[in-house]
Amino acid sequence: MNSSATSRRAGLAILGLLSLADSSMLLLTDGTTPPYSVAALATALGLVSLVLVLRAFQDGNRPIRLLVGLRVLSAVTALPAFLVDDVPAVAQAAAAATVVLTVVGILLVGRSDTRVVTS
């Protein structure tokens, strides 16, 4: 297995774990942190992303662009944790981890397919 394929699998694994975490967000919210609307959006993005991760493992590059777009959107939904008052430190740390891991996952996936990075 070449390093490009290894990077791709590692990136997909990271994006898959993030998608799995997002999928459970609606079950984990108390309604305040995160609000139900954000948790519902994260859950929907996570479920669709999870399907795309599974397809990307099987089908090459087809679902990668949509997956990257959804994971970026999911990371963007985590940013208000840094802008809203009274967000617990644990929630801010989770938001920071989400953003950092999203960037790492996308870079690893993009490293194996330059069309994702340049498009």
PDB file of N, CA and C in Angstrom:
ATOM      1  N   MET A   1       0.858  -1.177   0.000  1.00  0.00           N
ATOM      2  CA  MET A   1       0.000   0.000   0.000  1.00  0.00           C
ATOM      3  C   MET A   1       0.902   1.237   0.000  1.00  0.00           C
ATOM      4  N   ASN A   2       0.621   2.160  -0.905  1.00  0.00           N
ATOM      5  CA  ASN A   2       1.469   3.349  -0.986  1.00  0.00           C
ATOM      6  C   ASN A   2       1.046   4.393   0.047  1.00  0.00           C
ATOM      7  N   SER A   3       1.886   5.405   0.212  1.00  0.00           N
ATOM      8  CA  SER A   3       1.620   6.413   1.242  1.00  0.00           C
ATOM      9  C   SER A   3       0.381   7.242   0.920  1.00  0.00           C
ATOM     10  N   SER A   4       0.089   7.421  -0.362  1.00  0.00           N
ATOM     11  CA  SER A   4      -1.107   8.164  -0.749  1.00  0.00           C
ATOM     12  C   SER A   4      -2.369   7.440  -0.285  1.00  0.00           C
ATOM     13  N   ALA A   5      -2.409   6.141  -0.487  1.00  0.00           N
ATOM     14  CA  ALA A   5      -3.562   5.355  -0.052  1.00  0.00           C
ATOM     15  C   ALA A   5      -3.658   5.320   1.472  1.00  0.00           C
ATOM     16  N   THR A   6      -2.521   5.264   2.140  1.00  0.00           N
ATOM     17  CA  THR A   6      -2.508   5.264   3.601  1.00  0.00           C
ATOM     18  C   THR A   6      -3.024   6.603   4.137  1.00  0.00           C
ATOM     19  N   SER A   7      -2.582   7.690   3.532  1.00  0.00           N
ATOM     20  CA  SER A   7      -3.056   9.016   3.947  1.00  0.00           C
ATOM     21  C   SER A   7      -4.557   9.140   3.747  1.00  0.00           C
ATOM     22  N   ARG A   8      -5.022   8.657   2.615  1.00  0.00           N
ATOM     23  CA  ARG A   8      -6.455   8.715   2.313  1.00  0.00           C
ATOM     24  C   ARG A   8      -7.258   7.942   3.355  1.00  0.00           C
ATOM     25  N   ARG A   9      -6.816   6.728   3.666  1.00  0.00           N
ATOM     26  CA  ARG A   9      -7.528   5.918   4.664  1.00  0.00           C
ATOM     27  C   ARG A   9      -7.500   6.580   6.039  1.00  0.00           C
ATOM     28  N   ALA A  10      -6.372   7.140   6.408  1.00  0.00           N
ATOM     29  CA  ALA A  10      -6.271   7.821   7.702  1.00  0.00           C
ATOM     30  C   ALA A  10      -7.206   9.029   7.740  1.00  0.00           C
ATOM     31  N   GLY A  11      -7.220   9.805   6.667  1.00  0.00           N
ATOM     32  CA  GLY A  11      -8.115  10.957   6.590  1.00  0.00           C
ATOM     33  C   GLY A  11      -9.570  10.548   6.645  1.00  0.00           C
ATOM     34  N   LEU A  12      -9.925   9.500   5.913  1.00  0.00           N
ATOM     35  CA  LEU A  12     -11.305   9.012   5.943  1.00  0.00           C
ATOM     36  C   LEU A  12     -11.673   8.483   7.329  1.00  0.00           C
ATOM     37  N   ALA A  13     -10.716   7.849   8.004  1.00  0.00           N
ATOM     38  CA  ALA A  13     -10.982   7.352   9.356  1.00  0.00           C
ATOM     39  C   ALA A  13     -11.264   8.520  10.310  1.00  0.00           C
ATOM     40  N   ILE A  14     -10.469   9.573  10.210  1.00  0.00           N
ATOM     41  CA  ILE A  14     -10.689  10.755  11.062  1.00  0.00           C
ATOM     42  C   ILE A  14     -12.044  11.377  10.757  1.00  0.00           C
ATOM     43  N   LEU A  15     -12.344  11.570   9.467  1.00  0.00           N
ATOM     44  CA  LEU A  15     -13.631  12.159   9.089  1.00  0.00           C
ATOM     45  C   LEU A  15     -14.784  11.248   9.493  1.00  0.00           C
ATOM     46  N   GLY A  16     -14.559   9.946   9.454  1.00  0.00           N
ATOM     47  CA  GLY A  16     -15.585   9.001   9.893  1.00  0.00           C
ATOM     48  C   GLY A  16     -15.854   9.091  11.386  1.00  0.00           C
ATOM     49  N   LEU A  17     -14.802   9.222  12.175  1.00  0.00           N
ATOM     50  CA  LEU A  17     -14.980   9.361  13.623  1.00  0.00           C
ATOM     51  C   LEU A  17     -15.696  10.671  13.969  1.00  0.00           C
ATOM     52  N   LEU A  18     -15.342  11.736  13.263  1.00  0.00           N
ATOM     53  CA  LEU A  18     -16.035  13.011  13.469  1.00  0.00           C
ATOM     54  C   LEU A  18     -17.509  12.887  13.081  1.00  0.00           C
ATOM     55  N   SER A  19     -17.774  12.189  11.986  1.00  0.00           N
ATOM     56  CA  SER A  19     -19.155  11.988  11.542  1.00  0.00           C
ATOM     57  C   SER A  19     -19.937  11.178  12.557  1.00  0.00           C
ATOM     58  N   LEU A  20     -19.301  10.168  13.117  1.00  0.00           N
ATOM     59  CA  LEU A  20     -19.947   9.345  14.134  1.00  0.00           C
ATOM     60  C   LEU A  20     -20.260  10.172  15.381  1.00  0.00           C
ATOM     61  N   ALA A  21     -19.326  11.007  15.781  1.00  0.00           N
ATOM     62  CA  ALA A  21     -19.558  11.885  16.940  1.00  0.00           C
ATOM     63  C   ALA A  21     -20.706  12.851  16.657  1.00  0.00           C
ATOM     64  N   ASP A  22     -20.721  13.427  15.461  1.00  0.00           N
ATOM     65  CA  ASP A  22     -21.815  14.339  15.098  1.00  0.00           C
ATOM     66  C   ASP A  22     -23.159  13.625  15.082  1.00  0.00           C
ATOM     67  N   SER A  23     -23.163  12.381  14.640  1.00  0.00           N
ATOM     68  CA  SER A  23     -24.413  11.612  14.543  1.00  0.00           C
ATOM     69  C   SER A  23     -25.096  11.435  15.891  1.00  0.00           C
ATOM     70  N   SER A  24     -24.316  11.449  16.947  1.00  0.00           N
ATOM     71  CA  SER A  24     -24.883  11.252  18.283  1.00  0.00           C
ATOM     72  C   SER A  24     -25.176  12.566  19.008  1.00  0.00           C
ATOM     73  N   MET A  25     -24.937  13.684  18.366  1.00  0.00           N
ATOM     74  CA  MET A  25     -25.048  14.988  19.024  1.00  0.00           C
ATOM     75  C   MET A  25     -26.443  15.262  19.577  1.00  0.00           C
ATOM     76  N   LEU A  26     -27.468  14.886  18.858  1.00  0.00           N
ATOM     77  CA  LEU A  26     -28.833  15.146  19.311  1.00  0.00           C
ATOM     78  C   LEU A  26     -29.148  14.384  20.596  1.00  0.00           C
ATOM     79  N   LEU A  27     -28.515  13.234  20.758  1.00  0.00           N
ATOM     80  CA  LEU A  27     -28.723  12.440  21.972  1.00  0.00           C
ATOM     81  C   LEU A  27     -27.953  12.996  23.173  1.00  0.00           C
ATOM     82  N   LEU A  28     -26.901  13.767  22.888  1.00  0.00           N
ATOM     83  CA  LEU A  28     -26.017  14.235  23.957  1.00  0.00           C
ATOM     84  C   LEU A  28     -26.293  15.658  24.438  1.00  0.00           C
ATOM     85  N   THR A  29     -27.127  16.395  23.711  1.00  0.00           N
ATOM     86  CA  THR A  29     -27.356  17.789  24.084  1.00  0.00           C
ATOM     87  C   THR A  29     -28.320  17.900  25.261  1.00  0.00           C
ATOM     88  N   ASP A  30     -28.126  18.952  26.033  1.00  0.00           N
ATOM     89  CA  ASP A  30     -29.080  19.254  27.098  1.00  0.00           C
ATOM     90  C   ASP A  30     -30.029  20.368  26.661  1.00  0.00           C
ATOM     91  N   GLY A  31     -29.913  20.765  25.389  1.00  0.00           N
ATOM     92  CA  GLY A  31     -30.770  21.817  24.856  1.00  0.00           C
ATOM     93  C   GLY A  31     -30.124  23.187  24.927  1.00  0.00           C
ATOM     94  N   THR A  32     -29.106  23.304  25.756  1.00  0.00           N
ATOM     95  CA  THR A  32     -28.406  24.576  25.908  1.00  0.00           C
ATOM     96  C   THR A  32     -27.037  24.525  25.241  1.00  0.00           C
ATOM     97  N   THR A  33     -26.295  23.475  25.518  1.00  0.00           N
ATOM     98  CA  THR A  33     -24.952  23.312  24.971  1.00  0.00           C
ATOM     99  C   THR A  33     -24.829  21.965  24.294  1.00  0.00           C
ATOM    100  N   PRO A  34     -24.882  21.885  23.021  1.00  0.00           N
ATOM    101  CA  PRO A  34     -25.296  22.912  22.064  1.00  0.00           C
ATOM    102  C   PRO A  34     -26.820  23.020  22.030  1.00  0.00           C
ATOM    103  N   PRO A  35     -27.320  24.113  21.481  1.00  0.00           N
ATOM    104  CA  PRO A  35     -28.778  24.244  21.337  1.00  0.00           C
ATOM    105  C   PRO A  35     -29.328  23.124  20.444  1.00  0.00           C
ATOM    106  N   TYR A  36     -30.613  22.825  20.624  1.00  0.00           N
ATOM    107  CA  TYR A  36     -31.226  21.744  19.852  1.00  0.00           C
ATOM    108  C   TYR A  36     -31.072  21.942  18.347  1.00  0.00           C
ATOM    109  N   SER A  37     -31.182  23.170  17.871  1.00  0.00           N
ATOM    110  CA  SER A  37     -31.074  23.405  16.433  1.00  0.00           C
ATOM    111  C   SER A  37     -29.676  23.052  15.916  1.00  0.00           C
ATOM    112  N   VAL A  38     -28.653  23.403  16.675  1.00  0.00           N
ATOM    113  CA  VAL A  38     -27.280  23.080  16.281  1.00  0.00           C
ATOM    114  C   VAL A  38     -27.057  21.569  16.380  1.00  0.00           C
ATOM    115  N   ALA A  39     -27.578  20.952  17.422  1.00  0.00           N
ATOM    116  CA  ALA A  39     -27.428  19.504  17.592  1.00  0.00           C
ATOM    117  C   ALA A  39     -28.138  18.745  16.471  1.00  0.00           C
ATOM    118  N   ALA A  40     -29.310  19.214  16.080  1.00  0.00           N
ATOM    119  CA  ALA A  40     -30.049  18.561  14.992  1.00  0.00           C
ATOM    120  C   ALA A  40     -29.292  18.691  13.680  1.00  0.00           C
ATOM    121  N   LEU A  41     -28.754  19.863  13.402  1.00  0.00           N
ATOM    122  CA  LEU A  41     -27.964  20.069  12.187  1.00  0.00           C
ATOM    123  C   LEU A  41     -26.715  19.192  12.209  1.00  0.00           C
ATOM    124  N   ALA A  42     -26.035  19.149  13.337  1.00  0.00           N
ATOM    125  CA  ALA A  42     -24.829  18.322  13.454  1.00  0.00           C
ATOM    126  C   ALA A  42     -25.161  16.851  13.251  1.00  0.00           C
ATOM    127  N   THR A  43     -26.284  16.401  13.798  1.00  0.00           N
ATOM    128  CA  THR A  43     -26.693  15.004  13.641  1.00  0.00           C
ATOM    129  C   THR A  43     -26.964  14.685  12.180  1.00  0.00           C
ATOM    130  N   ALA A  44     -27.681  15.567  11.505  1.00  0.00           N
ATOM    131  CA  ALA A  44     -27.978  15.350  10.082  1.00  0.00           C
ATOM    132  C   ALA A  44     -26.689  15.332   9.255  1.00  0.00           C
ATOM    133  N   LEU A  45     -25.812  16.296   9.496  1.00  0.00           N
ATOM    134  CA  LEU A  45     -24.536  16.335   8.773  1.00  0.00           C
ATOM    135  C   LEU A  45     -23.704  15.090   9.065  1.00  0.00           C
ATOM    136  N   GLY A  46     -23.726  14.650  10.315  1.00  0.00           N
ATOM    137  CA  GLY A  46     -22.971  13.462  10.690  1.00  0.00           C
ATOM    138  C   GLY A  46     -23.466  12.209  10.010  1.00  0.00           C
ATOM    139  N   LEU A  47     -24.780  12.044   9.946  1.00  0.00           N
ATOM    140  CA  LEU A  47     -25.337  10.841   9.315  1.00  0.00           C
ATOM    141  C   LEU A  47     -25.036  10.798   7.823  1.00  0.00           C
ATOM    142  N   VAL A  48     -25.230  11.923   7.148  1.00  0.00           N
ATOM    143  CA  VAL A  48     -24.924  11.971   5.713  1.00  0.00           C
ATOM    144  C   VAL A  48     -23.426  11.779   5.485  1.00  0.00           C
ATOM    145  N   SER A  49     -22.613  12.416   6.307  1.00  0.00           N
ATOM    146  CA  SER A  49     -21.156  12.283   6.185  1.00  0.00           C
ATOM    147  C   SER A  49     -20.712  10.842   6.414  1.00  0.00           C
ATOM    148  N   LEU A  50     -21.330  10.182   7.361  1.00  0.00           N
ATOM    149  CA  LEU A  50     -20.974   8.790   7.643  1.00  0.00           C
ATOM    150  C   LEU A  50     -21.235   7.893   6.435  1.00  0.00           C
ATOM    151  N   VAL A  51     -22.358   8.109   5.778  1.00  0.00           N
ATOM    152  CA  VAL A  51     -22.667   7.357   4.558  1.00  0.00           C
ATOM    153  C   VAL A  51     -21.616   7.653   3.482  1.00  0.00           C
ATOM    154  N   LEU A  52     -21.247   8.913   3.349  1.00  0.00           N
ATOM    155  CA  LEU A  52     -20.245   9.289   2.345  1.00  0.00           C
ATOM    156  C   LEU A  52     -18.868   8.713   2.662  1.00  0.00           C
ATOM    157  N   VAL A  53     -18.516   8.644   3.930  1.00  0.00           N
ATOM    158  CA  VAL A  53     -17.233   8.030   4.311  1.00  0.00           C
ATOM    159  C   VAL A  53     -17.222   6.565   3.898  1.00  0.00           C
ATOM    160  N   LEU A  54     -18.298   5.865   4.186  1.00  0.00           N
ATOM    161  CA  LEU A  54     -18.379   4.448   3.814  1.00  0.00           C
ATOM    162  C   LEU A  54     -18.292   4.278   2.301  1.00  0.00           C
ATOM    163  N   ARG A  55     -18.975   5.148   1.553  1.00  0.00           N
ATOM    164  CA  ARG A  55     -18.910   5.087   0.092  1.00  0.00           C
ATOM    165  C   ARG A  55     -17.512   5.434  -0.414  1.00  0.00           C
ATOM    166  N   ALA A  56     -16.840   6.364   0.245  1.00  0.00           N
ATOM    167  CA  ALA A  56     -15.495   6.761  -0.182  1.00  0.00           C
ATOM    168  C   ALA A  56     -14.498   5.624   0.004  1.00  0.00           C
ATOM    169  N   PHE A  57     -14.682   4.817   1.032  1.00  0.00           N
ATOM    170  CA  PHE A  57     -13.812   3.662   1.218  1.00  0.00           C
ATOM    171  C   PHE A  57     -14.007   2.662   0.080  1.00  0.00           C
ATOM    172  N   GLN A  58     -15.215   2.588  -0.467  1.00  0.00           N
ATOM    173  CA  GLN A  58     -15.524   1.615  -1.506  1.00  0.00           C
ATOM    174  C   GLN A  58     -15.349   2.156  -2.915  1.00  0.00           C
ATOM    175  N   ASP A  59     -15.691   3.441  -3.124  1.00  0.00           N
ATOM    176  CA  ASP A  59     -15.891   3.951  -4.476  1.00  0.00           C
ATOM    177  C   ASP A  59     -14.878   4.997  -4.908  1.00  0.00           C
ATOM    178  N   GLY A  60     -13.762   5.086  -4.297  1.00  0.00           N
ATOM    179  CA  GLY A  60     -12.772   6.050  -4.760  1.00  0.00           C
ATOM    180  C   GLY A  60     -13.127   7.495  -4.473  1.00  0.00           C
ATOM    181  N   ASN A  61     -13.051   8.335  -5.492  1.00  0.00           N
ATOM    182  CA  ASN A  61     -13.121   9.783  -5.306  1.00  0.00           C
ATOM    183  C   ASN A  61     -14.513  10.392  -5.416  1.00  0.00           C
ATOM    184  N   ARG A  62     -15.493   9.667  -5.865  1.00  0.00           N
ATOM    185  CA  ARG A  62     -16.802  10.270  -6.121  1.00  0.00           C
ATOM    186  C   ARG A  62     -17.389  11.027  -4.934  1.00  0.00           C
ATOM    187  N   PRO A  63     -17.478  10.433  -3.763  1.00  0.00           N
ATOM    188  CA  PRO A  63     -18.132  11.152  -2.659  1.00  0.00           C
ATOM    189  C   PRO A  63     -17.220  12.102  -1.880  1.00  0.00           C
ATOM    190  N   ILE A  64     -15.958  12.178  -2.245  1.00  0.00           N
ATOM    191  CA  ILE A  64     -14.994  12.947  -1.442  1.00  0.00           C
ATOM    192  C   ILE A  64     -15.346  14.430  -1.394  1.00  0.00           C
ATOM    193  N   ARG A  65     -15.671  15.028  -2.507  1.00  0.00           N
ATOM    194  CA  ARG A  65     -15.937  16.473  -2.522  1.00  0.00           C
ATOM    195  C   ARG A  65     -17.114  16.836  -1.632  1.00  0.00           C
ATOM    196  N   LEU A  66     -18.193  16.082  -1.741  1.00  0.00           N
ATOM    197  CA  LEU A  66     -19.361  16.346  -0.900  1.00  0.00           C
ATOM    198  C   LEU A  66     -19.024  16.099   0.565  1.00  0.00           C
ATOM    199  N   LEU A  67     -18.283  15.046   0.841  1.00  0.00           N
ATOM    200  CA  LEU A  67     -17.864  14.751   2.212  1.00  0.00           C
ATOM    201  C   LEU A  67     -17.045  15.900   2.792  1.00  0.00           C
ATOM    202  N   VAL A  68     -16.091  16.399   2.035  1.00  0.00           N
ATOM    203  CA  VAL A  68     -15.259  17.510   2.506  1.00  0.00           C
ATOM    204  C   VAL A  68     -16.132  18.732   2.777  1.00  0.00           C
ATOM    205  N   GLY A  69     -17.055  19.020   1.869  1.00  0.00           N
ATOM    206  CA  GLY A  69     -17.950  20.158   2.064  1.00  0.00           C
ATOM    207  C   GLY A  69     -18.800  20.030   3.313  1.00  0.00           C
ATOM    208  N   LEU A  70     -19.339  18.846   3.548  1.00  0.00           N
ATOM    209  CA  LEU A  70     -20.166  18.633   4.742  1.00  0.00           C
ATOM    210  C   LEU A  70     -19.348  18.715   6.024  1.00  0.00           C
ATOM    211  N   ARG A  71     -18.128  18.193   5.996  1.00  0.00           N
ATOM    212  CA  ARG A  71     -17.292  18.251   7.197  1.00  0.00           C
ATOM    213  C   ARG A  71     -16.861  19.690   7.488  1.00  0.00           C
ATOM    214  N   VAL A  72     -16.616  20.483   6.442  1.00  0.00           N
ATOM    215  CA  VAL A  72     -16.296  21.903   6.657  1.00  0.00           C
ATOM    216  C   VAL A  72     -17.502  22.605   7.262  1.00  0.00           C
ATOM    217  N   LEU A  73     -18.685  22.337   6.727  1.00  0.00           N
ATOM    218  CA  LEU A  73     -19.910  22.927   7.273  1.00  0.00           C
ATOM    219  C   LEU A  73     -20.093  22.532   8.734  1.00  0.00           C
ATOM    220  N   SER A  74     -19.816  21.289   9.052  1.00  0.00           N
ATOM    221  CA  SER A  74     -19.922  20.832  10.434  1.00  0.00           C
ATOM    222  C   SER A  74     -18.928  21.570  11.332  1.00  0.00           C
ATOM    223  N   ALA A  75     -17.705  21.753  10.847  1.00  0.00           N
ATOM    224  CA  ALA A  75     -16.703  22.485  11.637  1.00  0.00           C
ATOM    225  C   ALA A  75     -17.129  23.931  11.839  1.00  0.00           C
ATOM    226  N   VAL A  76     -17.744  24.523  10.830  1.00  0.00           N
ATOM    227  CA  VAL A  76     -18.208  25.906  10.946  1.00  0.00           C
ATOM    228  C   VAL A  76     -19.293  26.017  12.013  1.00  0.00           C
ATOM    229  N   THR A  77     -20.144  24.995  12.132  1.00  0.00           N
ATOM    230  CA  THR A  77     -21.194  25.043  13.161  1.00  0.00           C
ATOM    231  C   THR A  77     -20.609  24.969  14.572  1.00  0.00           C
ATOM    232  N   ALA A  78     -19.359  24.548  14.695  1.00  0.00           N
ATOM    233  CA  ALA A  78     -18.716  24.490  16.012  1.00  0.00           C
ATOM    234  C   ALA A  78     -18.125  25.842  16.418  1.00  0.00           C
ATOM    235  N   LEU A  79     -17.933  26.735  15.473  1.00  0.00           N
ATOM    236  CA  LEU A  79     -17.266  28.010  15.764  1.00  0.00           C
ATOM    237  C   LEU A  79     -18.012  28.917  16.740  1.00  0.00           C
ATOM    238  N   PRO A  80     -19.351  28.939  16.773  1.00  0.00           N
ATOM    239  CA  PRO A  80     -20.014  29.800  17.758  1.00  0.00           C
ATOM    240  C   PRO A  80     -19.645  29.487  19.205  1.00  0.00           C
ATOM    241  N   ALA A  81     -19.117  28.312  19.473  1.00  0.00           N
ATOM    242  CA  ALA A  81     -18.681  27.990  20.833  1.00  0.00           C
ATOM    243  C   ALA A  81     -17.612  28.966  21.325  1.00  0.00           C
ATOM    244  N   PHE A  82     -16.902  29.602  20.400  1.00  0.00           N
ATOM    245  CA  PHE A  82     -15.865  30.563  20.766  1.00  0.00           C
ATOM    246  C   PHE A  82     -16.385  31.994  20.792  1.00  0.00           C
ATOM    247  N   LEU A  83     -17.591  32.200  20.291  1.00  0.00           N
ATOM    248  CA  LEU A  83     -18.124  33.552  20.156  1.00  0.00           C
ATOM    249  C   LEU A  83     -19.258  33.860  21.127  1.00  0.00           C
ATOM    250  N   VAL A  84     -19.897  32.826  21.656  1.00  0.00           N
ATOM    251  CA  VAL A  84     -21.038  32.990  22.546  1.00  0.00           C
ATOM    252  C   VAL A  84     -20.557  32.956  23.992  1.00  0.00           C
ATOM    253  N   ASP A  85     -21.143  33.803  24.818  1.00  0.00           N
ATOM    254  CA  ASP A  85     -20.775  33.825  26.239  1.00  0.00           C
ATOM    255  C   ASP A  85     -21.292  32.587  26.958  1.00  0.00           C
ATOM    256  N   ASP A  86     -20.636  32.250  28.046  1.00  0.00           N
ATOM    257  CA  ASP A  86     -21.054  31.179  28.956  1.00  0.00           C
ATOM    258  C   ASP A  86     -21.044  29.781  28.340  1.00  0.00           C
ATOM    259  N   VAL A  87     -20.193  29.550  27.353  1.00  0.00           N
ATOM    260  CA  VAL A  87     -20.029  28.202  26.808  1.00  0.00           C
ATOM    261  C   VAL A  87     -19.016  27.487  27.693  1.00  0.00           C
ATOM    262  N   PRO A  88     -19.366  26.309  28.209  1.00  0.00           N
ATOM    263  CA  PRO A  88     -18.429  25.586  29.085  1.00  0.00           C
ATOM    264  C   PRO A  88     -17.101  25.286  28.374  1.00  0.00           C
ATOM    265  N   ALA A  89     -16.049  25.240  29.158  1.00  0.00           N
ATOM    266  CA  ALA A  89     -14.716  24.978  28.617  1.00  0.00           C
ATOM    267  C   ALA A  89     -14.657  23.630  27.902  1.00  0.00           C
ATOM    268  N   VAL A  90     -15.386  22.655  28.401  1.00  0.00           N
ATOM    269  CA  VAL A  90     -15.409  21.330  27.767  1.00  0.00           C
ATOM    270  C   VAL A  90     -15.993  21.431  26.367  1.00  0.00           C
ATOM    271  N   ALA A  91     -17.050  22.205  26.206  1.00  0.00           N
ATOM    272  CA  ALA A  91     -17.665  22.388  24.889  1.00  0.00           C
ATOM    273  C   ALA A  91     -16.722  23.140  23.954  1.00  0.00           C
ATOM    274  N   GLN A  92     -16.004  24.124  24.481  1.00  0.00           N
ATOM    275  CA  GLN A  92     -15.032  24.843  23.658  1.00  0.00           C
ATOM    276  C   GLN A  92     -13.888  23.924  23.229  1.00  0.00           C
ATOM    277  N   ALA A  93     -13.440  23.077  24.136  1.00  0.00           N
ATOM    278  CA  ALA A  93     -12.374  22.129  23.794  1.00  0.00           C
ATOM    279  C   ALA A  93     -12.850  21.142  22.730  1.00  0.00           C
ATOM    280  N   ALA A  94     -14.089  20.681  22.853  1.00  0.00           N
ATOM    281  CA  ALA A  94     -14.648  19.771  21.844  1.00  0.00           C
ATOM    282  C   ALA A  94     -14.771  20.466  20.497  1.00  0.00           C
ATOM    283  N   ALA A  95     -15.178  21.722  20.506  1.00  0.00           N
ATOM    284  CA  ALA A  95     -15.286  22.484  19.261  1.00  0.00           C
ATOM    285  C   ALA A  95     -13.911  22.667  18.626  1.00  0.00           C
ATOM    286  N   ALA A  96     -12.911  22.981  19.445  1.00  0.00           N
ATOM    287  CA  ALA A  96     -11.549  23.152  18.924  1.00  0.00           C
ATOM    288  C   ALA A  96     -11.031  21.842  18.333  1.00  0.00           C
ATOM    289  N   ALA A  97     -11.269  20.742  19.028  1.00  0.00           N
ATOM    290  CA  ALA A  97     -10.835  19.433  18.529  1.00  0.00           C
ATOM    291  C   ALA A  97     -11.535  19.104  17.212  1.00  0.00           C
ATOM    292  N   THR A  98     -12.814  19.448  17.117  1.00  0.00           N
ATOM    293  CA  THR A  98     -13.564  19.206  15.883  1.00  0.00           C
ATOM    294  C   THR A  98     -12.951  19.962  14.714  1.00  0.00           C
ATOM    295  N   VAL A  99     -12.644  21.221  14.933  1.00  0.00           N
ATOM    296  CA  VAL A  99     -12.079  22.035  13.859  1.00  0.00           C
ATOM    297  C   VAL A  99     -10.691  21.518  13.457  1.00  0.00           C
ATOM    298  N   VAL A 100      -9.854  21.247  14.427  1.00  0.00           N
ATOM    299  CA  VAL A 100      -8.489  20.785  14.131  1.00  0.00           C
ATOM    300  C   VAL A 100      -8.518  19.425  13.440  1.00  0.00           C
ATOM    301  N   LEU A 101      -9.298  18.493  13.952  1.00  0.00           N
ATOM    302  CA  LEU A 101      -9.362  17.167  13.338  1.00  0.00           C
ATOM    303  C   LEU A 101      -9.986  17.213  11.945  1.00  0.00           C
ATOM    304  N   THR A 102     -10.923  18.123  11.739  1.00  0.00           N
ATOM    305  CA  THR A 102     -11.506  18.274  10.406  1.00  0.00           C
ATOM    306  C   THR A 102     -10.437  18.718   9.416  1.00  0.00           C
ATOM    307  N   VAL A 103      -9.642  19.697   9.808  1.00  0.00           N
ATOM    308  CA  VAL A 103      -8.574  20.180   8.926  1.00  0.00           C
ATOM    309  C   VAL A 103      -7.572  19.063   8.640  1.00  0.00           C
ATOM    310  N   VAL A 104      -7.183  18.325   9.672  1.00  0.00           N
ATOM    311  CA  VAL A 104      -6.229  17.230   9.487  1.00  0.00           C
ATOM    312  C   VAL A 104      -6.814  16.164   8.562  1.00  0.00           C
ATOM    313  N   GLY A 105      -8.064  15.777   8.798  1.00  0.00           N
ATOM    314  CA  GLY A 105      -8.704  14.765   7.960  1.00  0.00           C
ATOM    315  C   GLY A 105      -8.798  15.197   6.509  1.00  0.00           C
ATOM    316  N   ILE A 106      -9.181  16.443   6.281  1.00  0.00           N
ATOM    317  CA  ILE A 106      -9.302  16.952   4.910  1.00  0.00           C
ATOM    318  C   ILE A 106      -7.935  17.012   4.234  1.00  0.00           C
ATOM    319  N   LEU A 107      -6.915  17.445   4.960  1.00  0.00           N
ATOM    320  CA  LEU A 107      -5.573  17.490   4.377  1.00  0.00           C
ATOM    321  C   LEU A 107      -5.075  16.096   4.013  1.00  0.00           C
ATOM    322  N   LEU A 108      -5.345  15.121   4.859  1.00  0.00           N
ATOM    323  CA  LEU A 108      -4.921  13.750   4.558  1.00  0.00           C
ATOM    324  C   LEU A 108      -5.668  13.184   3.352  1.00  0.00           C
ATOM    325  N   VAL A 109      -6.959  13.425   3.276  1.00  0.00           N
ATOM    326  CA  VAL A 109      -7.741  12.953   2.125  1.00  0.00           C
ATOM    327  C   VAL A 109      -7.315  13.706   0.874  1.00  0.00           C
ATOM    328  N   GLY A 110      -7.114  15.010   1.013  1.00  0.00           N
ATOM    329  CA  GLY A 110      -6.722  15.817  -0.131  1.00  0.00           C
ATOM    330  C   GLY A 110      -5.334  15.519  -0.638  1.00  0.00           C
ATOM    331  N   ARG A 111      -4.498  15.025   0.236  1.00  0.00           N
ATOM    332  CA  ARG A 111      -3.122  14.666  -0.152  1.00  0.00           C
ATOM    333  C   ARG A 111      -3.121  13.530  -1.164  1.00  0.00           C
ATOM    334  N   SER A 112      -4.132  12.679  -1.080  1.00  0.00           N
ATOM    335  CA  SER A 112      -4.181  11.530  -1.987  1.00  0.00           C
ATOM    336  C   SER A 112      -4.924  11.864  -3.281  1.00  0.00           C
ATOM    337  N   ASP A 113      -5.626  12.998  -3.315  1.00  0.00           N
ATOM    338  CA  ASP A 113      -6.355  13.388  -4.520  1.00  0.00           C
ATOM    339  C   ASP A 113      -6.234  14.888  -4.683  1.00  0.00           C
ATOM    340  N   THR A 114      -5.347  15.351  -5.518  1.00  0.00           N
ATOM    341  CA  THR A 114      -5.112  16.777  -5.653  1.00  0.00           C
ATOM    342  C   THR A 114      -6.311  17.509  -6.220  1.00  0.00           C
ATOM    343  N   ARG A 115      -7.225  16.813  -6.882  1.00  0.00           N
ATOM    344  CA  ARG A 115      -8.415  17.486  -7.396  1.00  0.00           C
ATOM    345  C   ARG A 115      -9.270  18.017  -6.270  1.00  0.00           C
ATOM    346  N   VAL A 116      -9.289  17.356  -5.119  1.00  0.00           N
ATOM    347  CA  VAL A 116     -10.059  17.827  -3.984  1.00  0.00           C
ATOM    348  C   VAL A 116      -9.464  19.119  -3.458  1.00  0.00           C
ATOM    349  N   VAL A 117      -8.157  19.217  -3.416  1.00  0.00           N
ATOM    350  CA  VAL A 117      -7.483  20.385  -2.860  1.00  0.00           C
ATOM    351  C   VAL A 117      -7.577  21.576  -3.810  1.00  0.00           C
ATOM    352  N   THR A 118      -7.438  21.354  -5.107  1.00  0.00           N
ATOM    353  CA  THR A 118      -7.389  22.456  -6.059  1.00  0.00           C
ATOM    354  C   THR A 118      -8.741  22.887  -6.581  1.00  0.00           C
ATOM    355  N   SER A 119      -9.756  22.104  -6.371  1.00  0.00           N
ATOM    356  CA  SER A 119     -11.085  22.449  -6.909  1.00  0.00           C
ATOM    357  C   SER A 119     -11.799  23.412  -6.003  1.00  0.00           C
TER     358      SER A 119
END
